[in-house]
Amino acid sequence: MDLQQRMSSSKVIGFGAIRGKIPEGGHLMNSRTGLEQLNLIRRGASCVSGQVEENFWDRYTSPTINLFNRPQFRNAVDEAKRQGVPLVISDLFKMLGLLGDRDKAVDAYIRITGLGVTIIDGKLGIVATSIPGDALSFMISSAVLTKKNRRIGLKNGGTESRQPTARTIARAKRAVKRHADDFAQRMLPVIEAIRLELGDKASASAIATKLNEERHRTARGKMWQATSVLRVLKRIDQIAPRPALSAVKSDDNDESAGS
């Protein structure tokens, strides 16, 4: 992987939405809400060891506005596609809740996660598509109910809490682990075949090169690096120890995340 590709793989595009008065000077990010949004985007970026390359902001004044249909969001998606990097939405479920209707929110989630860009929820710090079905349903319903209750003056009540519960976050994280385990198991025969083909030359970097030549991609759709190969091998060993695979040489100092 050349230098430009390595830099690209550690970047993300951020999208946040701010409601309220424009602060003095007209800069959205000077507001308290703006700083909160920025922190959420940075949290999401950290889950892929990435740095925020550019932020796109939108200001909304009505809860009926669908932020996902506005030009600012479309521009953020287009830029993420152009650079081939993830898009971090500061608080995905809060924005889905703004739609005020569960079916519309579910439809928006399906459309957003089908845009051809990896979507990361900044608040949860995980890839949106990694959230299991039961947790996803709960979080969308909760976000919509929270918005409805706020409209009629209710602040809290059972599942209408604005914050995702610890149980929900734990479910989402378990889903991420299952996804990584499944991916490692699928890649096992591929990596094992390459290792046998390369023989004594089967270093982590050599395997990564071969995987890229064969157009395989990591779980996040990125090109392989030595560290991403070693990470998958480590996970395979944790699932079902295989001494032969553990013996793959680590001859790279590259510490960037690839899987």
C-alpha atoms as a PDB file:
ATOM      1  CA  MET A   1       0.000   0.000   0.000  1.00  0.00           C
ATOM      2  CA  ASP A   2       1.431   3.359  -0.989  1.00  0.00           C
ATOM      3  CA  LEU A   3       1.617   6.406   1.275  1.00  0.00           C
ATOM      4  CA  GLN A   4      -1.468   8.045  -0.175  1.00  0.00           C
ATOM      5  CA  GLN A   5      -3.575   4.944   0.416  1.00  0.00           C
ATOM      6  CA  ARG A   6      -2.328   4.668   3.988  1.00  0.00           C
ATOM      7  CA  MET A   7      -3.258   8.257   4.704  1.00  0.00           C
ATOM      8  CA  SER A   8      -6.690   7.768   3.138  1.00  0.00           C
ATOM      9  CA  SER A   9      -7.410   4.685   5.226  1.00  0.00           C
ATOM     10  CA  SER A  10      -6.970   6.706   8.446  1.00  0.00           C
ATOM     11  CA  LYS A  11      -9.384   9.483   7.529  1.00  0.00           C
ATOM     12  CA  VAL A  12     -13.093   9.963   8.018  1.00  0.00           C
ATOM     13  CA  ILE A  13     -15.671  12.531   6.992  1.00  0.00           C
ATOM     14  CA  GLY A  14     -17.908  13.923   9.735  1.00  0.00           C
ATOM     15  CA  PHE A  15     -21.517  15.116   9.650  1.00  0.00           C
ATOM     16  CA  GLY A  16     -23.283  16.910  12.472  1.00  0.00           C
ATOM     17  CA  ALA A  17     -26.504  18.874  12.908  1.00  0.00           C
ATOM     18  CA  ILE A  18     -27.009  21.826  15.210  1.00  0.00           C
ATOM     19  CA  ARG A  19     -30.279  23.348  16.300  1.00  0.00           C
ATOM     20  CA  GLY A  20     -30.705  26.740  17.885  1.00  0.00           C
ATOM     21  CA  LYS A  21     -29.388  30.234  17.560  1.00  0.00           C
ATOM     22  CA  ILE A  22     -26.282  30.943  15.539  1.00  0.00           C
ATOM     23  CA  PRO A  23     -23.584  32.127  17.985  1.00  0.00           C
ATOM     24  CA  GLU A  24     -21.963  35.503  17.767  1.00  0.00           C
ATOM     25  CA  GLY A  25     -19.724  35.668  14.720  1.00  0.00           C
ATOM     26  CA  GLY A  26     -21.897  33.193  12.815  1.00  0.00           C
ATOM     27  CA  HIS A  27     -19.754  30.112  13.472  1.00  0.00           C
ATOM     28  CA  LEU A  28     -21.800  27.069  14.403  1.00  0.00           C
ATOM     29  CA  MET A  29     -18.848  25.373  16.050  1.00  0.00           C
ATOM     30  CA  ASN A  30     -18.531  28.182  18.603  1.00  0.00           C
ATOM     31  CA  SER A  31     -21.715  26.977  20.263  1.00  0.00           C
ATOM     32  CA  ARG A  32     -21.866  24.447  23.088  1.00  0.00           C
ATOM     33  CA  THR A  33     -23.951  22.121  20.925  1.00  0.00           C
ATOM     34  CA  GLY A  34     -21.394  22.445  18.134  1.00  0.00           C
ATOM     35  CA  LEU A  35     -18.589  21.348  20.428  1.00  0.00           C
ATOM     36  CA  GLU A  36     -20.668  18.400  21.607  1.00  0.00           C
ATOM     37  CA  GLN A  37     -21.245  17.360  18.004  1.00  0.00           C
ATOM     38  CA  LEU A  38     -17.545  17.605  17.248  1.00  0.00           C
ATOM     39  CA  ASN A  39     -16.700  15.408  20.234  1.00  0.00           C
ATOM     40  CA  LEU A  40     -19.173  12.767  19.041  1.00  0.00           C
ATOM     41  CA  ILE A  41     -17.629  12.790  15.571  1.00  0.00           C
ATOM     42  CA  ARG A  42     -14.153  12.408  17.048  1.00  0.00           C
ATOM     43  CA  ARG A  43     -15.391   9.491  19.150  1.00  0.00           C
ATOM     44  CA  GLY A  44     -16.728   7.795  16.049  1.00  0.00           C
ATOM     45  CA  ALA A  45     -13.472   8.414  14.197  1.00  0.00           C
ATOM     46  CA  SER A  46     -11.483   6.826  17.016  1.00  0.00           C
ATOM     47  CA  CYS A  47     -13.317   3.511  16.578  1.00  0.00           C
ATOM     48  CA  VAL A  48     -11.537   3.092  13.226  1.00  0.00           C
ATOM     49  CA  SER A  49      -8.328   4.782  14.419  1.00  0.00           C
ATOM     50  CA  GLY A  50      -9.144   7.607  12.033  1.00  0.00           C
ATOM     51  CA  GLN A  51      -8.735  11.357  11.905  1.00  0.00           C
ATOM     52  CA  VAL A  52     -11.475  13.708  10.805  1.00  0.00           C
ATOM     53  CA  GLU A  53     -10.556  14.982   7.355  1.00  0.00           C
ATOM     54  CA  GLU A  54     -13.513  17.335   6.940  1.00  0.00           C
ATOM     55  CA  ASN A  55     -16.767  18.127   8.721  1.00  0.00           C
ATOM     56  CA  PHE A  56     -20.101  18.982   7.126  1.00  0.00           C
ATOM     57  CA  TRP A  57     -22.636  20.843   9.246  1.00  0.00           C
ATOM     58  CA  ASP A  58     -26.317  21.542   8.961  1.00  0.00           C
ATOM     59  CA  ARG A  59     -28.493  23.839  11.040  1.00  0.00           C
ATOM     60  CA  TYR A  60     -32.124  22.960  11.478  1.00  0.00           C
ATOM     61  CA  THR A  61     -34.883  25.004  13.071  1.00  0.00           C
ATOM     62  CA  SER A  62     -37.811  22.601  12.875  1.00  0.00           C
ATOM     63  CA  PRO A  63     -38.205  19.011  14.094  1.00  0.00           C
ATOM     64  CA  THR A  64     -40.021  18.222  10.832  1.00  0.00           C
ATOM     65  CA  ILE A  65     -36.874  18.767   8.740  1.00  0.00           C
ATOM     66  CA  ASN A  66     -35.404  15.545   7.356  1.00  0.00           C
ATOM     67  CA  LEU A  67     -31.689  16.206   7.650  1.00  0.00           C
ATOM     68  CA  PHE A  68     -30.825  13.169   5.557  1.00  0.00           C
ATOM     69  CA  ASN A  69     -32.450  14.687   2.480  1.00  0.00           C
ATOM     70  CA  ARG A  70     -30.661  18.019   2.720  1.00  0.00           C
ATOM     71  CA  PRO A  71     -27.757  19.099   0.471  1.00  0.00           C
ATOM     72  CA  GLN A  72     -25.263  19.233   3.343  1.00  0.00           C
ATOM     73  CA  PHE A  73     -25.733  15.539   4.096  1.00  0.00           C
ATOM     74  CA  ARG A  74     -25.594  14.557   0.433  1.00  0.00           C
ATOM     75  CA  ASN A  75     -22.362  16.552   0.086  1.00  0.00           C
ATOM     76  CA  ALA A  76     -20.886  14.702   3.066  1.00  0.00           C
ATOM     77  CA  VAL A  77     -21.803  11.340   1.496  1.00  0.00           C
ATOM     78  CA  ASP A  78     -20.355  12.356  -1.862  1.00  0.00           C
ATOM     79  CA  GLU A  79     -17.080  13.445  -0.263  1.00  0.00           C
ATOM     80  CA  ALA A  80     -16.795  10.205   1.727  1.00  0.00           C
ATOM     81  CA  LYS A  81     -17.340   8.265  -1.505  1.00  0.00           C
ATOM     82  CA  ARG A  82     -14.809  10.361  -3.381  1.00  0.00           C
ATOM     83  CA  GLN A  83     -12.114   9.730  -0.786  1.00  0.00           C
ATOM     84  CA  GLY A  84     -13.178   6.153  -0.060  1.00  0.00           C
ATOM     85  CA  VAL A  85     -13.428   6.771   3.687  1.00  0.00           C
ATOM     86  CA  PRO A  86     -16.121   6.220   6.364  1.00  0.00           C
ATOM     87  CA  LEU A  87     -18.756   8.833   7.194  1.00  0.00           C
ATOM     88  CA  VAL A  88     -19.228   9.533  10.900  1.00  0.00           C
ATOM     89  CA  ILE A  89     -22.689  10.853  11.799  1.00  0.00           C
ATOM     90  CA  SER A  90     -22.500  12.538  15.181  1.00  0.00           C
ATOM     91  CA  ASP A  91     -25.705  10.973  16.556  1.00  0.00           C
ATOM     92  CA  LEU A  92     -27.408   8.791  13.954  1.00  0.00           C
ATOM     93  CA  PHE A  93     -30.366   7.694  16.072  1.00  0.00           C
ATOM     94  CA  LYS A  94     -31.177  11.156  17.324  1.00  0.00           C
ATOM     95  CA  MET A  95     -31.403  12.285  13.707  1.00  0.00           C
ATOM     96  CA  LEU A  96     -33.588   9.298  12.832  1.00  0.00           C
ATOM     97  CA  GLY A  97     -35.824  10.228  15.742  1.00  0.00           C
ATOM     98  CA  LEU A  98     -36.390  13.663  14.232  1.00  0.00           C
ATOM     99  CA  LEU A  99     -38.549  12.002  11.592  1.00  0.00           C
ATOM    100  CA  GLY A 100     -41.123  11.361  14.301  1.00  0.00           C
ATOM    101  CA  ASP A 101     -42.353   8.137  12.728  1.00  0.00           C
ATOM    102  CA  ARG A 102     -40.863   4.682  13.275  1.00  0.00           C
ATOM    103  CA  ASP A 103     -41.533   3.388   9.761  1.00  0.00           C
ATOM    104  CA  LYS A 104     -39.986   6.494   8.209  1.00  0.00           C
ATOM    105  CA  ALA A 105     -37.004   6.193  10.545  1.00  0.00           C
ATOM    106  CA  VAL A 106     -36.467   2.535   9.626  1.00  0.00           C
ATOM    107  CA  ASP A 107     -36.717   3.393   5.934  1.00  0.00           C
ATOM    108  CA  ALA A 108     -34.201   6.222   6.390  1.00  0.00           C
ATOM    109  CA  TYR A 109     -31.798   3.865   8.200  1.00  0.00           C
ATOM    110  CA  ILE A 110     -32.027   1.347   5.338  1.00  0.00           C
ATOM    111  CA  ARG A 111     -31.386   4.053   2.732  1.00  0.00           C
ATOM    112  CA  ILE A 112     -28.517   5.623   4.669  1.00  0.00           C
ATOM    113  CA  THR A 113     -26.697   2.337   5.289  1.00  0.00           C
ATOM    114  CA  GLY A 114     -27.186   1.408   1.631  1.00  0.00           C
ATOM    115  CA  LEU A 115     -25.438   4.475   0.204  1.00  0.00           C
ATOM    116  CA  GLY A 116     -22.195   2.633  -0.479  1.00  0.00           C
ATOM    117  CA  VAL A 117     -20.382   4.371   2.384  1.00  0.00           C
ATOM    118  CA  THR A 118     -19.442   2.933   5.779  1.00  0.00           C
ATOM    119  CA  ILE A 119     -21.645   4.793   8.277  1.00  0.00           C
ATOM    120  CA  ILE A 120     -20.373   5.136  11.842  1.00  0.00           C
ATOM    121  CA  ASP A 121     -22.536   6.306  14.730  1.00  0.00           C
ATOM    122  CA  GLY A 122     -20.384   8.780  16.612  1.00  0.00           C
ATOM    123  CA  LYS A 123     -22.306   8.490  19.876  1.00  0.00           C
ATOM    124  CA  LEU A 124     -22.021   4.702  20.021  1.00  0.00           C
ATOM    125  CA  GLY A 125     -18.625   4.581  18.321  1.00  0.00           C
ATOM    126  CA  ILE A 126     -19.509   1.627  16.097  1.00  0.00           C
ATOM    127  CA  VAL A 127     -20.361   0.875  12.469  1.00  0.00           C
ATOM    128  CA  ALA A 128     -24.124   1.282  12.035  1.00  0.00           C
ATOM    129  CA  THR A 129     -24.592  -1.993  10.154  1.00  0.00           C
ATOM    130  CA  SER A 130     -22.971  -3.913  13.025  1.00  0.00           C
ATOM    131  CA  ILE A 131     -25.889  -3.208  15.375  1.00  0.00           C
ATOM    132  CA  PRO A 132     -27.996  -6.384  15.858  1.00  0.00           C
ATOM    133  CA  GLY A 133     -31.618  -6.364  14.789  1.00  0.00           C
ATOM    134  CA  ASP A 134     -33.196  -6.346  18.258  1.00  0.00           C
ATOM    135  CA  ALA A 135     -30.985  -3.514  19.495  1.00  0.00           C
ATOM    136  CA  LEU A 136     -31.543  -1.578  16.263  1.00  0.00           C
ATOM    137  CA  SER A 137     -35.325  -1.840  16.574  1.00  0.00           C
ATOM    138  CA  PHE A 138     -35.192  -0.720  20.195  1.00  0.00           C
ATOM    139  CA  MET A 139     -32.968   2.267  19.494  1.00  0.00           C
ATOM    140  CA  ILE A 140     -35.019   3.531  16.552  1.00  0.00           C
ATOM    141  CA  SER A 141     -38.260   3.189  18.505  1.00  0.00           C
ATOM    142  CA  SER A 142     -36.706   4.888  21.518  1.00  0.00           C
ATOM    143  CA  ALA A 143     -35.415   7.789  19.426  1.00  0.00           C
ATOM    144  CA  VAL A 144     -38.805   8.332  17.783  1.00  0.00           C
ATOM    145  CA  LEU A 145     -40.691   8.111  21.090  1.00  0.00           C
ATOM    146  CA  THR A 146     -38.283  10.553  22.707  1.00  0.00           C
ATOM    147  CA  LYS A 147     -38.965  13.095  19.996  1.00  0.00           C
ATOM    148  CA  LYS A 148     -42.745  12.598  20.305  1.00  0.00           C
ATOM    149  CA  ASN A 149     -42.655  12.928  24.095  1.00  0.00           C
ATOM    150  CA  ARG A 150     -40.622  16.106  23.900  1.00  0.00           C
ATOM    151  CA  ARG A 151     -43.268  17.589  21.618  1.00  0.00           C
ATOM    152  CA  ILE A 152     -45.996  16.984  24.180  1.00  0.00           C
ATOM    153  CA  GLY A 153     -43.867  18.057  27.131  1.00  0.00           C
ATOM    154  CA  LEU A 154     -42.715  14.712  28.499  1.00  0.00           C
ATOM    155  CA  LYS A 155     -39.014  14.538  29.311  1.00  0.00           C
ATOM    156  CA  ASN A 156     -38.452  10.907  30.243  1.00  0.00           C
ATOM    157  CA  GLY A 157     -40.338   7.675  30.617  1.00  0.00           C
ATOM    158  CA  GLY A 158     -39.148   4.090  30.341  1.00  0.00           C
ATOM    159  CA  THR A 159     -37.757   3.361  26.892  1.00  0.00           C
ATOM    160  CA  GLU A 160     -38.119   7.026  25.951  1.00  0.00           C
ATOM    161  CA  SER A 161     -34.755   7.788  27.540  1.00  0.00           C
ATOM    162  CA  ARG A 162     -32.568   9.917  25.311  1.00  0.00           C
ATOM    163  CA  GLN A 163     -29.458   7.914  26.121  1.00  0.00           C
ATOM    164  CA  PRO A 164     -28.834   4.394  24.765  1.00  0.00           C
ATOM    165  CA  THR A 165     -28.874   1.920  27.625  1.00  0.00           C
ATOM    166  CA  ALA A 166     -25.784   0.015  28.707  1.00  0.00           C
ATOM    167  CA  ARG A 167     -27.541  -3.176  27.627  1.00  0.00           C
ATOM    168  CA  THR A 168     -28.118  -1.806  24.132  1.00  0.00           C
ATOM    169  CA  ILE A 169     -24.510  -0.693  23.758  1.00  0.00           C
ATOM    170  CA  ALA A 170     -23.308  -4.080  25.036  1.00  0.00           C
ATOM    171  CA  ARG A 171     -25.473  -5.842  22.435  1.00  0.00           C
ATOM    172  CA  ALA A 172     -24.067  -3.658  19.697  1.00  0.00           C
ATOM    173  CA  LYS A 173     -20.500  -4.366  20.781  1.00  0.00           C
ATOM    174  CA  ARG A 174     -21.207  -8.102  20.853  1.00  0.00           C
ATOM    175  CA  ALA A 175     -22.478  -7.792  17.309  1.00  0.00           C
ATOM    176  CA  VAL A 176     -19.204  -6.151  16.271  1.00  0.00           C
ATOM    177  CA  LYS A 177     -17.274  -9.051  17.825  1.00  0.00           C
ATOM    178  CA  ARG A 178     -19.461 -11.621  16.068  1.00  0.00           C
ATOM    179  CA  HIS A 179     -18.921  -9.830  12.779  1.00  0.00           C
ATOM    180  CA  ALA A 180     -15.133  -9.864  13.266  1.00  0.00           C
ATOM    181  CA  ASP A 181     -15.158 -13.542  14.279  1.00  0.00           C
ATOM    182  CA  ASP A 182     -17.263 -14.520  11.264  1.00  0.00           C
ATOM    183  CA  PHE A 183     -15.017 -12.568   8.917  1.00  0.00           C
ATOM    184  CA  ALA A 184     -11.877 -14.197  10.363  1.00  0.00           C
ATOM    185  CA  GLN A 185     -13.367 -17.660   9.900  1.00  0.00           C
ATOM    186  CA  ARG A 186     -14.311 -16.871   6.290  1.00  0.00           C
ATOM    187  CA  MET A 187     -10.780 -15.661   5.568  1.00  0.00           C
ATOM    188  CA  LEU A 188      -9.105 -18.666   7.230  1.00  0.00           C
ATOM    189  CA  PRO A 189      -9.027 -20.969   4.163  1.00  0.00           C
ATOM    190  CA  VAL A 190      -7.926 -18.086   1.921  1.00  0.00           C
ATOM    191  CA  ILE A 191      -5.036 -17.065   4.158  1.00  0.00           C
ATOM    192  CA  GLU A 192      -4.059 -20.672   4.805  1.00  0.00           C
ATOM    193  CA  ALA A 193      -3.885 -21.363   1.051  1.00  0.00           C
ATOM    194  CA  ILE A 194      -1.724 -18.272   0.501  1.00  0.00           C
ATOM    195  CA  ARG A 195       0.559 -19.238   3.373  1.00  0.00           C
ATOM    196  CA  LEU A 196       1.095 -22.693   1.885  1.00  0.00           C
ATOM    197  CA  GLU A 197       1.711 -21.187  -1.555  1.00  0.00           C
ATOM    198  CA  LEU A 198       4.315 -18.736  -0.242  1.00  0.00           C
ATOM    199  CA  GLY A 199       6.050 -21.266   1.986  1.00  0.00           C
ATOM    200  CA  ASP A 200       9.078 -19.768   3.772  1.00  0.00           C
ATOM    201  CA  LYS A 201       8.215 -16.349   2.324  1.00  0.00           C
ATOM    202  CA  ALA A 202       4.853 -16.264   4.091  1.00  0.00           C
ATOM    203  CA  SER A 203       5.369 -13.108   6.127  1.00  0.00           C
ATOM    204  CA  ALA A 204       2.405 -10.957   7.146  1.00  0.00           C
ATOM    205  CA  SER A 205       3.289  -8.334   4.547  1.00  0.00           C
ATOM    206  CA  ALA A 206       3.663 -10.958   1.804  1.00  0.00           C
ATOM    207  CA  ILE A 207       0.258 -12.419   2.652  1.00  0.00           C
ATOM    208  CA  ALA A 208      -1.262  -8.919   2.626  1.00  0.00           C
ATOM    209  CA  THR A 209       0.225  -8.256  -0.805  1.00  0.00           C
ATOM    210  CA  LYS A 210      -1.192 -11.506  -2.137  1.00  0.00           C
ATOM    211  CA  LEU A 211      -4.630 -10.785  -0.686  1.00  0.00           C
ATOM    212  CA  ASN A 212      -4.653  -7.384  -2.387  1.00  0.00           C
ATOM    213  CA  GLU A 213      -3.539  -8.917  -5.686  1.00  0.00           C
ATOM    214  CA  GLU A 214      -6.463 -11.333  -5.471  1.00  0.00           C
ATOM    215  CA  ARG A 215      -8.788  -8.387  -4.766  1.00  0.00           C
ATOM    216  CA  HIS A 216      -9.761  -9.492  -1.285  1.00  0.00           C
ATOM    217  CA  ARG A 217     -10.670  -6.691   1.112  1.00  0.00           C
ATOM    218  CA  THR A 218     -10.706  -6.390   4.876  1.00  0.00           C
ATOM    219  CA  ALA A 219     -13.919  -6.439   6.919  1.00  0.00           C
ATOM    220  CA  ARG A 220     -14.112  -2.661   6.471  1.00  0.00           C
ATOM    221  CA  GLY A 221     -13.581  -2.837   2.739  1.00  0.00           C
ATOM    222  CA  LYS A 222      -9.988  -1.590   2.872  1.00  0.00           C
ATOM    223  CA  MET A 223      -6.812  -2.945   1.330  1.00  0.00           C
ATOM    224  CA  TRP A 224      -4.824  -5.395   3.433  1.00  0.00           C
ATOM    225  CA  GLN A 225      -1.774  -4.445   5.452  1.00  0.00           C
ATOM    226  CA  ALA A 226       0.563  -6.571   7.534  1.00  0.00           C
ATOM    227  CA  THR A 227      -1.167  -5.520  10.748  1.00  0.00           C
ATOM    228  CA  SER A 228      -4.623  -6.381   9.428  1.00  0.00           C
ATOM    229  CA  VAL A 229      -3.374  -9.878   8.495  1.00  0.00           C
ATOM    230  CA  LEU A 230      -1.883 -10.359  11.949  1.00  0.00           C
ATOM    231  CA  ARG A 231      -5.074  -9.109  13.563  1.00  0.00           C
ATOM    232  CA  VAL A 232      -7.161 -11.664  11.696  1.00  0.00           C
ATOM    233  CA  LEU A 233      -4.683 -14.443  12.515  1.00  0.00           C
ATOM    234  CA  LYS A 234      -4.792 -13.501  16.183  1.00  0.00           C
ATOM    235  CA  ARG A 235      -8.569 -13.641  16.157  1.00  0.00           C
ATOM    236  CA  ILE A 236      -8.482 -17.036  14.421  1.00  0.00           C
ATOM    237  CA  ASP A 237      -6.112 -18.332  17.115  1.00  0.00           C
ATOM    238  CA  GLN A 238      -8.499 -17.068  19.811  1.00  0.00           C
ATOM    239  CA  ILE A 239     -11.418 -18.883  18.192  1.00  0.00           C
ATOM    240  CA  ALA A 240      -9.546 -22.119  17.342  1.00  0.00           C
ATOM    241  CA  PRO A 241      -5.776 -22.095  17.953  1.00  0.00           C
ATOM    242  CA  ARG A 242      -3.768 -23.099  14.881  1.00  0.00           C
ATOM    243  CA  PRO A 243       0.029 -23.169  15.525  1.00  0.00           C
ATOM    244  CA  ALA A 244       0.867 -23.058  11.824  1.00  0.00           C
ATOM    245  CA  LEU A 245      -0.972 -19.794  11.322  1.00  0.00           C
ATOM    246  CA  SER A 246       0.416 -18.285  14.503  1.00  0.00           C
ATOM    247  CA  ALA A 247       3.894 -18.823  13.071  1.00  0.00           C
ATOM    248  CA  VAL A 248       3.391 -16.232  10.328  1.00  0.00           C
ATOM    249  CA  LYS A 249       6.219 -13.744  10.612  1.00  0.00           C
ATOM    250  CA  SER A 250       5.572 -10.146  11.534  1.00  0.00           C
ATOM    251  CA  ASP A 251       8.141  -8.219   9.566  1.00  0.00           C
ATOM    252  CA  ASP A 252       6.290  -4.871   9.359  1.00  0.00           C
ATOM    253  CA  ASN A 253       6.299  -1.879  11.635  1.00  0.00           C
ATOM    254  CA  ASP A 254       3.041  -0.607  10.119  1.00  0.00           C
ATOM    255  CA  GLU A 255       0.560  -0.091  12.963  1.00  0.00           C
ATOM    256  CA  SER A 256      -2.352   1.309  10.997  1.00  0.00           C
ATOM    257  CA  ALA A 257      -5.705  -0.448  11.255  1.00  0.00           C
ATOM    258  CA  GLY A 258      -6.849  -2.391   8.233  1.00  0.00           C
ATOM    259  CA  SER A 259      -9.568  -4.791   9.315  1.00  0.00           C
END
